C-alpha atoms as a PDB file:
ATOM      1  CA  MET A   1     121.211-107.745   6.787  1.00  0.00           C
ATOM      2  CA  LEU A   2     124.896-108.077   6.961  1.00  0.00           C
ATOM      3  CA  PRO A   3     126.796-105.091   8.028  1.00  0.00           C
ATOM      4  CA  MET A   4     128.396-103.264   5.185  1.00  0.00           C
ATOM      5  CA  SER A   5     131.956-102.718   5.085  1.00  0.00           C
ATOM      6  CA  LYS A   6     133.460 -99.305   4.649  1.00  0.00           C
ATOM      7  CA  ASN A   7     134.094 -99.957   1.007  1.00  0.00           C
ATOM      8  CA  THR A   8     130.624-101.279   0.516  1.00  0.00           C
ATOM      9  CA  ARG A   9     128.861 -98.189   1.994  1.00  0.00           C
ATOM     10  CA  SER A  10     130.531 -95.629  -0.252  1.00  0.00           C
ATOM     11  CA  PRO A  11     128.655 -96.364  -3.518  1.00  0.00           C
ATOM     12  CA  TRP A  12     125.273 -96.316  -1.807  1.00  0.00           C
ATOM     13  CA  LEU A  13     126.071 -93.065  -0.187  1.00  0.00           C
ATOM     14  CA  VAL A  14     126.863 -91.586  -3.520  1.00  0.00           C
ATOM     15  CA  VAL A  15     123.589 -92.861  -4.974  1.00  0.00           C
ATOM     16  CA  CYS A  16     121.578 -91.432  -2.104  1.00  0.00           C
ATOM     17  CA  ILE A  17     123.243 -88.074  -2.365  1.00  0.00           C
ATOM     18  CA  ALA A  18     122.627 -88.038  -6.099  1.00  0.00           C
ATOM     19  CA  ILE A  19     118.969 -88.885  -5.643  1.00  0.00           C
ATOM     20  CA  ALA A  20     118.607 -86.193  -3.015  1.00  0.00           C
ATOM     21  CA  GLY A  21     120.299 -83.668  -5.188  1.00  0.00           C
ATOM     22  CA  PHE A  22     118.146 -84.657  -8.165  1.00  0.00           C
ATOM     23  CA  GLN A  23     115.020 -84.194  -6.093  1.00  0.00           C
ATOM     24  CA  GLN A  24     116.071 -80.804  -4.830  1.00  0.00           C
ATOM     25  CA  GLY A  25     117.633 -79.451  -8.028  1.00  0.00           C
ATOM     26  CA  PRO A  26     115.339 -79.941 -11.049  1.00  0.00           C
ATOM     27  CA  PHE A  27     112.128 -79.794  -9.083  1.00  0.00           C
ATOM     28  CA  ARG A  28     113.207 -76.680  -7.283  1.00  0.00           C
ATOM     29  CA  SER A  29     114.177 -75.028 -10.563  1.00  0.00           C
ATOM     30  CA  LEU A  30     110.797 -75.934 -12.036  1.00  0.00           C
ATOM     31  CA  GLN A  31     108.980 -74.432  -9.093  1.00  0.00           C
ATOM     32  CA  GLU A  32     110.997 -71.247  -9.243  1.00  0.00           C
ATOM     33  CA  SER A  33     110.388 -71.015 -12.998  1.00  0.00           C
ATOM     34  CA  GLN A  34     106.663 -71.422 -12.451  1.00  0.00           C
ATOM     35  CA  LEU A  35     106.752 -68.803  -9.729  1.00  0.00           C
ATOM     36  CA  PHE A  36     108.473 -66.225 -11.996  1.00  0.00           C
ATOM     37  CA  SER A  37     106.181 -67.058 -14.881  1.00  0.00           C
ATOM     38  CA  ASP A  38     103.183 -65.963 -12.770  1.00  0.00           C
ATOM     39  CA  GLN A  39     104.615 -62.403 -12.401  1.00  0.00           C
ATOM     40  CA  PRO A  40     104.060 -59.847 -15.315  1.00  0.00           C
ATOM     41  CA  SER A  41     107.072 -59.345 -17.483  1.00  0.00           C
ATOM     42  CA  GLU A  42     108.615 -55.953 -18.265  1.00  0.00           C
ATOM     43  CA  LYS A  43     107.411 -56.217 -21.859  1.00  0.00           C
ATOM     44  CA  SER A  44     103.816 -56.721 -20.723  1.00  0.00           C
ATOM     45  CA  LEU A  45     104.059 -53.642 -18.517  1.00  0.00           C
ATOM     46  CA  GLU A  46     105.325 -51.546 -21.413  1.00  0.00           C
ATOM     47  CA  GLU A  47     102.548 -52.784 -23.685  1.00  0.00           C
ATOM     48  CA  SER A  48      99.949 -51.955 -21.033  1.00  0.00           C
ATOM     49  CA  GLU A  49     101.403 -48.498 -20.537  1.00  0.00           C
ATOM     50  CA  LEU A  50     101.435 -47.883 -24.294  1.00  0.00           C
ATOM     51  CA  LYS A  51      97.830 -48.986 -24.522  1.00  0.00           C
ATOM     52  CA  GLN A  52      96.819 -46.553 -21.780  1.00  0.00           C
ATOM     53  CA  ARG A  53      98.723 -43.757 -23.480  1.00  0.00           C
ATOM     54  CA  THR A  54      96.999 -44.589 -26.784  1.00  0.00           C
ATOM     55  CA  LEU A  55      93.591 -44.439 -25.130  1.00  0.00           C
ATOM     56  CA  GLN A  56      94.500 -41.133 -23.511  1.00  0.00           C
ATOM     57  CA  LEU A  57      95.668 -39.712 -26.853  1.00  0.00           C
ATOM     58  CA  ASP A  58      92.436 -40.860 -28.496  1.00  0.00           C
ATOM     59  CA  SER A  59      90.455 -39.099 -25.768  1.00  0.00           C
ATOM     60  CA  ASN A  60      92.528 -35.947 -26.128  1.00  0.00           C
ATOM     61  CA  ASN A  61      92.105 -36.059 -29.898  1.00  0.00           C
ATOM     62  CA  GLU A  62      88.331 -36.344 -29.520  1.00  0.00           C
ATOM     63  CA  ASP A  63      88.307 -33.342 -27.166  1.00  0.00           C
ATOM     64  CA  LEU A  64      90.365 -31.331 -29.647  1.00  0.00           C
ATOM     65  CA  HIS A  65      87.906 -32.166 -32.436  1.00  0.00           C
ATOM     66  CA  LYS A  66      85.028 -30.993 -30.249  1.00  0.00           C
ATOM     67  CA  GLN A  67      86.838 -27.754 -29.429  1.00  0.00           C
ATOM     68  CA  LEU A  68      87.606 -27.248 -33.113  1.00  0.00           C
ATOM     69  CA  ALA A  69      83.933 -27.720 -34.003  1.00  0.00           C
ATOM     70  CA  ARG A  70      82.890 -25.169 -31.353  1.00  0.00           C
ATOM     71  CA  THR A  71      85.532 -22.728 -32.595  1.00  0.00           C
ATOM     72  CA  GLN A  72      84.357 -23.118 -36.185  1.00  0.00           C
ATOM     73  CA  GLN A  73      80.787 -22.460 -35.062  1.00  0.00           C
ATOM     74  CA  LYS A  74      81.880 -19.283 -33.256  1.00  0.00           C
ATOM     75  CA  VAL A  75      83.826 -18.168 -36.339  1.00  0.00           C
ATOM     76  CA  LYS A  76      80.714 -18.661 -38.472  1.00  0.00           C
ATOM     77  CA  LEU A  77      78.636 -16.605 -36.029  1.00  0.00           C
ATOM     78  CA  LEU A  78      81.229 -13.819 -36.108  1.00  0.00           C
ATOM     79  CA  GLN A  79      81.262 -13.879 -39.912  1.00  0.00           C
ATOM     80  CA  ASP A  80      77.464 -13.629 -39.983  1.00  0.00           C
ATOM     81  CA  GLU A  81      77.591 -10.689 -37.562  1.00  0.00           C
ATOM     82  CA  ALA A  82      80.253  -9.010 -39.698  1.00  0.00           C
ATOM     83  CA  ARG A  83      78.083  -9.385 -42.817  1.00  0.00           C
ATOM     84  CA  LEU A  84      75.112  -7.920 -40.933  1.00  0.00           C
ATOM     85  CA  LEU A  85      77.207  -4.980 -39.740  1.00  0.00           C
ATOM     86  CA  ARG A  86      78.451  -4.311 -43.279  1.00  0.00           C
ATOM     87  CA  LYS A  87      74.855  -4.345 -44.502  1.00  0.00           C
ATOM     88  CA  GLN A  88      73.793  -1.931 -41.767  1.00  0.00           C
ATOM     89  CA  LEU A  89      76.732   0.333 -42.603  1.00  0.00           C
ATOM     90  CA  ARG A  90      75.705   0.390 -46.271  1.00  0.00           C
ATOM     91  CA  GLU A  91      72.123   1.227 -45.304  1.00  0.00           C
ATOM     92  CA  THR A  92      73.324   3.937 -42.917  1.00  0.00           C
ATOM     93  CA  ALA A  93      75.543   5.397 -45.624  1.00  0.00           C
ATOM     94  CA  GLY A  94      72.546   5.473 -47.971  1.00  0.00           C
ATOM     95  CA  GLN A  95      70.424   7.221 -45.349  1.00  0.00           C
ATOM     96  CA  LEU A  96      73.185   9.753 -44.702  1.00  0.00           C
ATOM     97  CA  LYS A  97      73.362  10.435 -48.421  1.00  0.00           C
ATOM     98  CA  LEU A  98      69.607  11.035 -48.568  1.00  0.00           C
ATOM     99  CA  ILE A  99      69.818  13.311 -45.525  1.00  0.00           C
ATOM    100  CA  SER A 100      72.678  15.220 -47.136  1.00  0.00           C
ATOM    101  CA  GLU A 101      70.699  15.644 -50.363  1.00  0.00           C
ATOM    102  CA  LYS A 102      67.647  16.779 -48.400  1.00  0.00           C
ATOM    103  CA  LYS A 103      69.793  19.259 -46.483  1.00  0.00           C
ATOM    104  CA  GLN A 104      71.111  20.663 -49.740  1.00  0.00           C
ATOM    105  CA  GLN A 105      67.556  21.109 -50.980  1.00  0.00           C
ATOM    106  CA  LEU A 106      66.571  22.859 -47.757  1.00  0.00           C
ATOM    107  CA  ASP A 107      69.648  25.062 -47.939  1.00  0.00           C
ATOM    108  CA  GLN A 108      68.717  26.000 -51.475  1.00  0.00           C
ATOM    109  CA  GLN A 109      65.176  26.838 -50.442  1.00  0.00           C
ATOM    110  CA  PHE A 110      66.504  28.877 -47.554  1.00  0.00           C
ATOM    111  CA  LYS A 111      68.726  30.843 -49.897  1.00  0.00           C
ATOM    112  CA  ILE A 112      65.687  31.623 -52.004  1.00  0.00           C
ATOM    113  CA  LEU A 113      63.991  33.019 -48.922  1.00  0.00           C
ATOM    114  CA  GLN A 114      66.939  35.143 -47.932  1.00  0.00           C
ATOM    115  CA  THR A 115      66.257  38.714 -48.895  1.00  0.00           C
ATOM    116  CA  SER A 116      69.934  39.531 -48.987  1.00  0.00           C
ATOM    117  CA  THR A 117      70.582  37.493 -52.116  1.00  0.00           C
ATOM    118  CA  GLN A 118      69.957  38.237 -55.762  1.00  0.00           C
ATOM    119  CA  ARG A 119      66.439  37.829 -57.041  1.00  0.00           C
ATOM    120  CA  ARG A 120      65.018  37.400 -60.534  1.00  0.00           C
ATOM    121  CA  GLY A 121      67.065  38.708 -63.437  1.00  0.00           C
ATOM    122  CA  GLY A 122      70.172  39.075 -61.270  1.00  0.00           C
ATOM    123  CA  ALA A 123      68.847  42.168 -59.503  1.00  0.00           C
ATOM    124  CA  THR A 124      70.803  43.053 -56.403  1.00  0.00           C
ATOM    125  CA  ILE A 125      68.847  43.954 -53.278  1.00  0.00           C
ATOM    126  CA  ARG A 126      70.179  45.924 -50.344  1.00  0.00           C
ATOM    127  CA  ALA A 127      68.865  46.790 -46.890  1.00  0.00           C
ATOM    128  CA  ASN A 128      66.583  49.783 -46.471  1.00  0.00           C
ATOM    129  CA  SER A 129      64.711  51.044 -43.426  1.00  0.00           C
ATOM    130  CA  THR A 130      62.039  53.083 -45.242  1.00  0.00           C
ATOM    131  CA  LEU A 131      59.296  50.685 -44.084  1.00  0.00           C
ATOM    132  CA  GLN A 132      59.362  52.180 -40.575  1.00  0.00           C
ATOM    133  CA  LYS A 133      56.333  54.429 -41.036  1.00  0.00           C
ATOM    134  CA  ASP A 134      52.565  54.284 -40.746  1.00  0.00           C
ATOM    135  CA  LEU A 135      51.069  51.272 -42.498  1.00  0.00           C
ATOM    136  CA  PRO A 136      49.096  52.078 -45.637  1.00  0.00           C
ATOM    137  CA  ARG A 137      45.389  51.281 -45.726  1.00  0.00           C
ATOM    138  CA  ILE A 138      43.499  49.385 -48.404  1.00  0.00           C
ATOM    139  CA  PRO A 139      39.756  50.128 -48.131  1.00  0.00           C
ATOM    140  CA  ILE A 140      38.632  46.638 -49.208  1.00  0.00           C
ATOM    141  CA  GLN A 141      36.727  44.382 -46.850  1.00  0.00           C
ATOM    142  CA  GLY A 142      38.732  41.229 -46.129  1.00  0.00           C
ATOM    143  CA  VAL A 143      42.085  42.668 -47.234  1.00  0.00           C
ATOM    144  CA  GLN A 144      44.472  43.168 -44.332  1.00  0.00           C
ATOM    145  CA  VAL A 145      47.772  45.015 -44.087  1.00  0.00           C
ATOM    146  CA  ARG A 146      50.065  44.195 -41.186  1.00  0.00           C
ATOM    147  CA  GLU A 147      53.670  44.577 -40.124  1.00  0.00           C
ATOM    148  CA  ASP A 148      55.591  41.331 -39.637  1.00  0.00           C
ATOM    149  CA  GLY A 149      59.063  42.010 -38.318  1.00  0.00           C
ATOM    150  CA  ASP A 150      60.832  44.063 -40.971  1.00  0.00           C
ATOM    151  CA  VAL A 151      58.338  43.311 -43.761  1.00  0.00           C
ATOM    152  CA  ILE A 152      54.839  44.541 -44.662  1.00  0.00           C
ATOM    153  CA  ARG A 153      52.248  41.912 -45.535  1.00  0.00           C
ATOM    154  CA  MET A 154      49.177  42.643 -47.650  1.00  0.00           C
ATOM    155  CA  GLU A 155      46.847  39.703 -47.254  1.00  0.00           C
ATOM    156  CA  VAL A 156      43.908  38.993 -49.548  1.00  0.00           C
ATOM    157  CA  PRO A 157      41.634  35.914 -49.293  1.00  0.00           C
ATOM    158  CA  VAL A 158      42.020  33.460 -52.167  1.00  0.00           C
ATOM    159  CA  ASP A 159      38.243  33.018 -52.305  1.00  0.00           C
ATOM    160  CA  MET A 160      37.941  36.701 -53.294  1.00  0.00           C
ATOM    161  CA  MET A 161      40.357  36.252 -56.220  1.00  0.00           C
ATOM    162  CA  PHE A 162      40.119  32.679 -57.571  1.00  0.00           C
ATOM    163  CA  GLN A 163      37.516  30.107 -58.387  1.00  0.00           C
ATOM    164  CA  VAL A 164      37.395  27.248 -55.886  1.00  0.00           C
ATOM    165  CA  ARG A 165      40.535  25.071 -55.946  1.00  0.00           C
ATOM    166  CA  THR A 166      41.806  26.636 -59.182  1.00  0.00           C
ATOM    167  CA  ALA A 167      44.252  29.281 -60.392  1.00  0.00           C
ATOM    168  CA  THR A 168      41.532  30.933 -62.519  1.00  0.00           C
ATOM    169  CA  MET A 169      40.857  34.502 -61.347  1.00  0.00           C
ATOM    170  CA  HIS A 170      37.428  35.975 -60.707  1.00  0.00           C
ATOM    171  CA  THR A 171      36.568  39.111 -62.693  1.00  0.00           C
ATOM    172  CA  ASN A 172      36.343  41.071 -59.441  1.00  0.00           C
ATOM    173  CA  ALA A 173      39.960  40.131 -58.582  1.00  0.00           C
ATOM    174  CA  ILE A 174      41.359  42.867 -60.844  1.00  0.00           C
ATOM    175  CA  PRO A 175      40.005  45.815 -58.813  1.00  0.00           C
ATOM    176  CA  ILE A 176      41.521  44.298 -55.685  1.00  0.00           C
ATOM    177  CA  ILE A 177      44.914  43.915 -57.352  1.00  0.00           C
ATOM    178  CA  VAL A 178      44.679  47.481 -58.729  1.00  0.00           C
ATOM    179  CA  GLN A 179      44.287  48.956 -55.262  1.00  0.00           C
ATOM    180  CA  MET A 180      47.084  46.816 -53.832  1.00  0.00           C
ATOM    181  CA  VAL A 181      49.441  47.807 -56.650  1.00  0.00           C
ATOM    182  CA  ASP A 182      48.540  51.437 -56.146  1.00  0.00           C
ATOM    183  CA  VAL A 183      49.490  51.237 -52.459  1.00  0.00           C
ATOM    184  CA  ILE A 184      52.761  49.490 -53.243  1.00  0.00           C
ATOM    185  CA  MET A 185      53.804  51.876 -55.992  1.00  0.00           C
ATOM    186  CA  ARG A 186      53.016  54.954 -53.908  1.00  0.00           C
ATOM    187  CA  ASN A 187      54.691  53.778 -50.725  1.00  0.00           C
ATOM    188  CA  TYR A 188      57.287  51.211 -51.770  1.00  0.00           C
ATOM    189  CA  PRO A 189      58.133  51.774 -55.440  1.00  0.00           C
ATOM    190  CA  ARG A 190      61.555  50.087 -55.353  1.00  0.00           C
ATOM    191  CA  GLN A 191      61.062  47.531 -52.602  1.00  0.00           C
ATOM    192  CA  MET A 192      61.334  43.813 -53.299  1.00  0.00           C
ATOM    193  CA  ILE A 193      57.916  42.154 -53.422  1.00  0.00           C
ATOM    194  CA  GLY A 194      57.302  38.540 -52.523  1.00  0.00           C
ATOM    195  CA  ILE A 195      54.115  36.880 -53.789  1.00  0.00           C
ATOM    196  CA  GLU A 196      53.256  34.048 -51.395  1.00  0.00           C
ATOM    197  CA  GLY A 197      50.572  31.409 -51.890  1.00  0.00           C
ATOM    198  CA  HIS A 198      48.885  29.778 -48.867  1.00  0.00           C
ATOM    199  CA  THR A 199      46.177  27.100 -48.598  1.00  0.00           C
ATOM    200  CA  ASP A 200      44.185  25.303 -45.916  1.00  0.00           C
ATOM    201  CA  SER A 201      45.043  21.788 -44.736  1.00  0.00           C
ATOM    202  CA  ASP A 202      42.374  19.855 -46.647  1.00  0.00           C
ATOM    203  CA  PRO A 203      43.782  17.303 -49.113  1.00  0.00           C
ATOM    204  CA  ILE A 204      43.128  17.873 -52.798  1.00  0.00           C
ATOM    205  CA  VAL A 205      40.884  15.302 -54.419  1.00  0.00           C
ATOM    206  CA  GLY A 206      40.741  15.301 -58.208  1.00  0.00           C
ATOM    207  CA  GLY A 207      41.347  18.324 -60.375  1.00  0.00           C
ATOM    208  CA  VAL A 208      44.541  19.574 -62.003  1.00  0.00           C
ATOM    209  CA  TRP A 209      46.665  19.952 -58.877  1.00  0.00           C
ATOM    210  CA  ARG A 210      47.950  16.967 -56.948  1.00  0.00           C
ATOM    211  CA  THR A 211      49.092  18.858 -53.833  1.00  0.00           C
ATOM    212  CA  GLN A 212      48.260  22.044 -51.969  1.00  0.00           C
ATOM    213  CA  HIS A 213      51.748  23.339 -52.751  1.00  0.00           C
ATOM    214  CA  GLN A 214      51.109  23.055 -56.479  1.00  0.00           C
ATOM    215  CA  LEU A 215      47.804  24.901 -56.134  1.00  0.00           C
ATOM    216  CA  ALA A 216      49.372  27.663 -54.009  1.00  0.00           C
ATOM    217  CA  ALA A 217      52.245  28.036 -56.483  1.00  0.00           C
ATOM    218  CA  ALA A 218      49.851  28.274 -59.449  1.00  0.00           C
ATOM    219  CA  GLN A 219      47.768  30.965 -57.729  1.00  0.00           C
ATOM    220  CA  ALA A 220      50.850  32.987 -56.734  1.00  0.00           C
ATOM    221  CA  LEU A 221      52.212  32.736 -60.299  1.00  0.00           C
ATOM    222  CA  ALA A 222      48.881  33.956 -61.666  1.00  0.00           C
ATOM    223  CA  VAL A 223      49.178  37.110 -59.529  1.00  0.00           C
ATOM    224  CA  PHE A 224      52.813  37.484 -60.576  1.00  0.00           C
ATOM    225  CA  GLU A 225      51.823  37.403 -64.253  1.00  0.00           C
ATOM    226  CA  VAL A 226      49.153  40.090 -63.743  1.00  0.00           C
ATOM    227  CA  LEU A 227      51.570  42.384 -61.899  1.00  0.00           C
ATOM    228  CA  ALA A 228      54.334  41.889 -64.472  1.00  0.00           C
ATOM    229  CA  THR A 229      52.272  42.103 -67.676  1.00  0.00           C
ATOM    230  CA  ARG A 230      49.363  44.415 -66.891  1.00  0.00           C
ATOM    231  CA  TYR A 231      50.927  46.744 -64.330  1.00  0.00           C
ATOM    232  CA  GLN A 232      54.498  46.631 -65.619  1.00  0.00           C
ATOM    233  CA  ILE A 233      56.140  45.886 -62.297  1.00  0.00           C
ATOM    234  CA  PRO A 234      59.655  44.632 -63.202  1.00  0.00           C
ATOM    235  CA  SER A 235      59.884  40.866 -62.840  1.00  0.00           C
ATOM    236  CA  ARG A 236      63.289  41.278 -61.204  1.00  0.00           C
ATOM    237  CA  GLN A 237      61.540  43.178 -58.397  1.00  0.00           C
ATOM    238  CA  MET A 238      59.293  40.196 -57.554  1.00  0.00           C
ATOM    239  CA  PHE A 239      59.627  36.559 -56.567  1.00  0.00           C
ATOM    240  CA  VAL A 240      57.113  33.772 -55.929  1.00  0.00           C
ATOM    241  CA  LEU A 241      56.836  31.420 -52.953  1.00  0.00           C
ATOM    242  CA  SER A 242      54.451  28.521 -52.365  1.00  0.00           C
ATOM    243  CA  HIS A 243      53.879  27.697 -48.707  1.00  0.00           C
ATOM    244  CA  GLY A 244      50.800  25.516 -49.183  1.00  0.00           C
ATOM    245  CA  PRO A 245      49.329  24.662 -45.749  1.00  0.00           C
ATOM    246  CA  ASN A 246      52.637  25.116 -43.891  1.00  0.00           C
ATOM    247  CA  HIS A 247      51.955  28.549 -42.335  1.00  0.00           C
ATOM    248  CA  PRO A 248      48.337  28.919 -41.207  1.00  0.00           C
ATOM    249  CA  VAL A 249      47.473  32.189 -39.458  1.00  0.00           C
ATOM    250  CA  VAL A 250      44.569  30.560 -37.575  1.00  0.00           C
ATOM    251  CA  SER A 251      43.406  27.025 -36.845  1.00  0.00           C
ATOM    252  CA  ASN A 252      42.060  24.896 -39.696  1.00  0.00           C
ATOM    253  CA  ALA A 253      39.533  23.302 -37.353  1.00  0.00           C
ATOM    254  CA  THR A 254      36.663  25.499 -38.602  1.00  0.00           C
ATOM    255  CA  VAL A 255      35.340  26.511 -41.989  1.00  0.00           C
ATOM    256  CA  ALA A 256      36.058  30.160 -41.224  1.00  0.00           C
ATOM    257  CA  GLY A 257      39.609  29.292 -40.182  1.00  0.00           C
ATOM    258  CA  LYS A 258      40.246  27.416 -43.415  1.00  0.00           C
ATOM    259  CA  GLY A 259      38.888  30.365 -45.391  1.00  0.00           C
ATOM    260  CA  ARG A 260      41.288  32.709 -43.611  1.00  0.00           C
ATOM    261  CA  ASN A 261      44.266  30.445 -44.267  1.00  0.00           C
ATOM    262  CA  ARG A 262      43.532  30.305 -48.010  1.00  0.00           C
ATOM    263  CA  ARG A 263      45.228  33.554 -48.961  1.00  0.00           C
ATOM    264  CA  ILE A 264      47.648  35.379 -51.237  1.00  0.00           C
ATOM    265  CA  GLU A 265      50.141  37.678 -49.534  1.00  0.00           C
ATOM    266  CA  LEU A 266      52.057  40.480 -51.228  1.00  0.00           C
ATOM    267  CA  VAL A 267      55.069  40.878 -48.947  1.00  0.00           C
ATOM    268  CA  VAL A 268      57.071  44.122 -49.154  1.00  0.00           C
ATOM    269  CA  TYR A 269      60.699  43.697 -48.048  1.00  0.00           C
ATOM    270  CA  PRO A 270      63.013  46.448 -46.793  1.00  0.00           C
ATOM    271  CA  GLU A 271      65.535  45.639 -49.540  1.00  0.00           C
ATOM    272  CA  THR A 272      65.407  47.586 -52.796  1.00  0.00           C
ATOM    273  CA  ILE A 273      66.494  46.942 -56.348  1.00  0.00           C
ATOM    274  CA  LYS A 274      69.143  49.079 -58.040  1.00  0.00           C
END
């Protein structure tokens, strides 16, 4: 090949430089572009972060729903307990009312027993110590007279005065009552007299009376009527009590004990009528 002149070499040099530049420029830019395209973009990172936050919020929301369900369940349990407590309070209030009514009844019965209050017909009674003397005697077998604190008790067996389990008097009951009235009028003419009915502990089966208290009250009232109508003892000087089986003097475990507990007691109090 012929040697190129200086003028001849210049265009070829330009072409070579251009080719070299073309090879390095576009291809290098393409490679760099491909290299950058392989790295995640800022937008992709934001989307990924938002997605993670969304998943976290969904998880938190699910936890909150579970907590809300547990709270609602606890609230329901508390409401049920509150309703139960209100019911118990209502029942307790009802029981307290019954207890209060029962107490009033007992207080009323106690007032009846108090010898310092007014008895029948508005008669006023006042304390008197005239009972502190020798006890009178009633010469009737089975009739006992005893001192009981500040009162005198004249005890007569019911079986000597009444037919079995009735308030119907025997004919021989009148002589017994006569002697008892005679003792009372001679020794305690103005003393208050309580007529108390007592029974044994056996339940009543059949007949007129449903309870021992009813039977004891009927027998005591029968004696009251005899004293008031036949012997003219003022009704305001007497009062009637029915104890039923509540105050036995001996055990009811034997026939003899039951017979002793079935009794009428004329109780002379130290208080007198005006």
